[in-house]
Amino acid sequence: MRLSKRFLCAKNYDGETFDFHSLRHACGAWLAMAGAHPKAVQAIMRHSTIVLTMDTYGHLFPGQEAETISRLPKMMAAPPKAAKRA
């Protein structure tokens, strides 16, 4: 069975472009949605600044705000007591 020539077009049936840039953007988006650290995504995508990475993929980093806020109680806890030396 031969595949339709439509399969090889640069756009899918919804009119979305399928090219190198869309594959690159998908990679960055998948990294962000998988919970990768933003600086790691910046390095992998070879962005010149973290601002570029966050402006492009920032909305896709899941739970960053909640995870960051959850650290506050740990920071506010009493510091561990130093061990007495003999």
C-alpha atoms as a PDB file:
ATOM      1  CA  MET A   1       0.000   0.000   0.000  1.00  0.00           C
ATOM      2  CA  ARG A   2       1.414   3.371  -1.017  1.00  0.00           C
ATOM      3  CA  LEU A   3       1.210   6.381   1.281  1.00  0.00           C
ATOM      4  CA  SER A   4      -0.611   9.422   0.028  1.00  0.00           C
ATOM      5  CA  LYS A   5       1.549  12.244  -1.313  1.00  0.00           C
ATOM      6  CA  ARG A   6      -0.304  14.452   1.167  1.00  0.00           C
ATOM      7  CA  PHE A   7       1.683  12.724   3.916  1.00  0.00           C
ATOM      8  CA  LEU A   8       4.894  14.218   2.523  1.00  0.00           C
ATOM      9  CA  CYS A   9       3.607  17.810   2.411  1.00  0.00           C
ATOM     10  CA  ALA A  10       5.152  20.526   4.569  1.00  0.00           C
ATOM     11  CA  LYS A  11       1.789  21.071   6.289  1.00  0.00           C
ATOM     12  CA  ASN A  12      -0.548  18.640   7.989  1.00  0.00           C
ATOM     13  CA  TYR A  13      -4.299  18.382   7.428  1.00  0.00           C
ATOM     14  CA  ASP A  14      -4.904  21.160   9.978  1.00  0.00           C
ATOM     15  CA  GLY A  15      -2.566  23.501   8.093  1.00  0.00           C
ATOM     16  CA  GLU A  16       0.181  23.340  10.721  1.00  0.00           C
ATOM     17  CA  THR A  17       3.710  23.600   9.343  1.00  0.00           C
ATOM     18  CA  PHE A  18       5.965  20.583   9.796  1.00  0.00           C
ATOM     19  CA  ASP A  19       9.567  21.667   9.320  1.00  0.00           C
ATOM     20  CA  PHE A  20      12.859  21.798  11.204  1.00  0.00           C
ATOM     21  CA  HIS A  21      11.740  24.796  13.281  1.00  0.00           C
ATOM     22  CA  SER A  22       8.540  23.071  14.397  1.00  0.00           C
ATOM     23  CA  LEU A  23      10.553  19.995  15.425  1.00  0.00           C
ATOM     24  CA  ARG A  24      12.977  22.217  17.352  1.00  0.00           C
ATOM     25  CA  HIS A  25      10.112  24.014  19.092  1.00  0.00           C
ATOM     26  CA  ALA A  26       8.491  20.674  19.952  1.00  0.00           C
ATOM     27  CA  CYS A  27      11.756  19.530  21.554  1.00  0.00           C
ATOM     28  CA  GLY A  28      11.944  22.637  23.752  1.00  0.00           C
ATOM     29  CA  ALA A  29       8.277  22.338  24.681  1.00  0.00           C
ATOM     30  CA  TRP A  30       8.598  18.651  25.592  1.00  0.00           C
ATOM     31  CA  LEU A  31      11.643  19.378  27.762  1.00  0.00           C
ATOM     32  CA  ALA A  32       9.735  22.112  29.592  1.00  0.00           C
ATOM     33  CA  MET A  33       6.627  19.962  30.068  1.00  0.00           C
ATOM     34  CA  ALA A  34       8.797  17.100  31.344  1.00  0.00           C
ATOM     35  CA  GLY A  35      10.001  19.359  34.155  1.00  0.00           C
ATOM     36  CA  ALA A  36      13.530  20.040  32.903  1.00  0.00           C
ATOM     37  CA  HIS A  37      15.277  22.946  34.617  1.00  0.00           C
ATOM     38  CA  PRO A  38      14.923  26.141  32.540  1.00  0.00           C
ATOM     39  CA  LYS A  39      18.723  26.622  32.403  1.00  0.00           C
ATOM     40  CA  ALA A  40      19.094  23.096  31.006  1.00  0.00           C
ATOM     41  CA  VAL A  41      16.488  23.862  28.340  1.00  0.00           C
ATOM     42  CA  GLN A  42      18.361  27.083  27.523  1.00  0.00           C
ATOM     43  CA  ALA A  43      21.602  25.156  27.041  1.00  0.00           C
ATOM     44  CA  ILE A  44      20.031  22.385  24.955  1.00  0.00           C
ATOM     45  CA  MET A  45      18.165  24.860  22.755  1.00  0.00           C
ATOM     46  CA  ARG A  46      21.326  27.014  22.556  1.00  0.00           C
ATOM     47  CA  HIS A  47      19.424  30.177  23.466  1.00  0.00           C
ATOM     48  CA  SER A  48      21.614  33.211  24.102  1.00  0.00           C
ATOM     49  CA  THR A  49      19.644  34.255  27.198  1.00  0.00           C
ATOM     50  CA  ILE A  50      17.352  32.671  29.769  1.00  0.00           C
ATOM     51  CA  VAL A  51      14.866  35.438  28.898  1.00  0.00           C
ATOM     52  CA  LEU A  52      14.496  33.995  25.391  1.00  0.00           C
ATOM     53  CA  THR A  53      13.907  30.518  26.821  1.00  0.00           C
ATOM     54  CA  MET A  54      11.379  31.707  29.385  1.00  0.00           C
ATOM     55  CA  ASP A  55       9.548  33.958  26.909  1.00  0.00           C
ATOM     56  CA  THR A  56       9.227  31.002  24.525  1.00  0.00           C
ATOM     57  CA  TYR A  57       8.584  28.080  26.887  1.00  0.00           C
ATOM     58  CA  GLY A  58       7.965  29.619  30.319  1.00  0.00           C
ATOM     59  CA  HIS A  59       4.241  28.907  30.290  1.00  0.00           C
ATOM     60  CA  LEU A  60       5.009  25.203  29.818  1.00  0.00           C
ATOM     61  CA  PHE A  61       7.130  24.648  32.932  1.00  0.00           C
ATOM     62  CA  PRO A  62       4.613  22.756  35.092  1.00  0.00           C
ATOM     63  CA  GLY A  63       4.212  23.559  38.752  1.00  0.00           C
ATOM     64  CA  GLN A  64       7.228  25.841  39.029  1.00  0.00           C
ATOM     65  CA  GLU A  65       5.347  28.341  41.169  1.00  0.00           C
ATOM     66  CA  ALA A  66       3.828  25.737  43.504  1.00  0.00           C
ATOM     67  CA  GLU A  67       7.127  23.875  43.850  1.00  0.00           C
ATOM     68  CA  THR A  68       8.958  27.095  44.676  1.00  0.00           C
ATOM     69  CA  ILE A  69       6.368  28.201  47.252  1.00  0.00           C
ATOM     70  CA  SER A  70       6.504  24.749  48.874  1.00  0.00           C
ATOM     71  CA  ARG A  71      10.144  25.450  49.785  1.00  0.00           C
ATOM     72  CA  LEU A  72       9.237  28.369  52.071  1.00  0.00           C
ATOM     73  CA  PRO A  73       8.241  26.320  55.156  1.00  0.00           C
ATOM     74  CA  LYS A  74      11.572  24.482  54.990  1.00  0.00           C
ATOM     75  CA  MET A  75      13.432  27.782  54.894  1.00  0.00           C
ATOM     76  CA  MET A  76      11.456  29.175  57.838  1.00  0.00           C
ATOM     77  CA  ALA A  77      12.040  26.148  60.063  1.00  0.00           C
ATOM     78  CA  ALA A  78      14.453  26.551  62.958  1.00  0.00           C
ATOM     79  CA  PRO A  79      18.036  25.869  61.935  1.00  0.00           C
ATOM     80  CA  PRO A  80      19.473  22.586  63.187  1.00  0.00           C
ATOM     81  CA  LYS A  81      21.362  22.892  66.457  1.00  0.00           C
ATOM     82  CA  ALA A  82      25.104  22.597  66.188  1.00  0.00           C
ATOM     83  CA  ALA A  83      26.572  19.453  67.685  1.00  0.00           C
ATOM     84  CA  LYS A  84      28.537  19.994  70.886  1.00  0.00           C
ATOM     85  CA  ARG A  85      32.202  19.217  70.590  1.00  0.00           C
ATOM     86  CA  ALA A  86      34.007  17.410  73.362  1.00  0.00           C
END
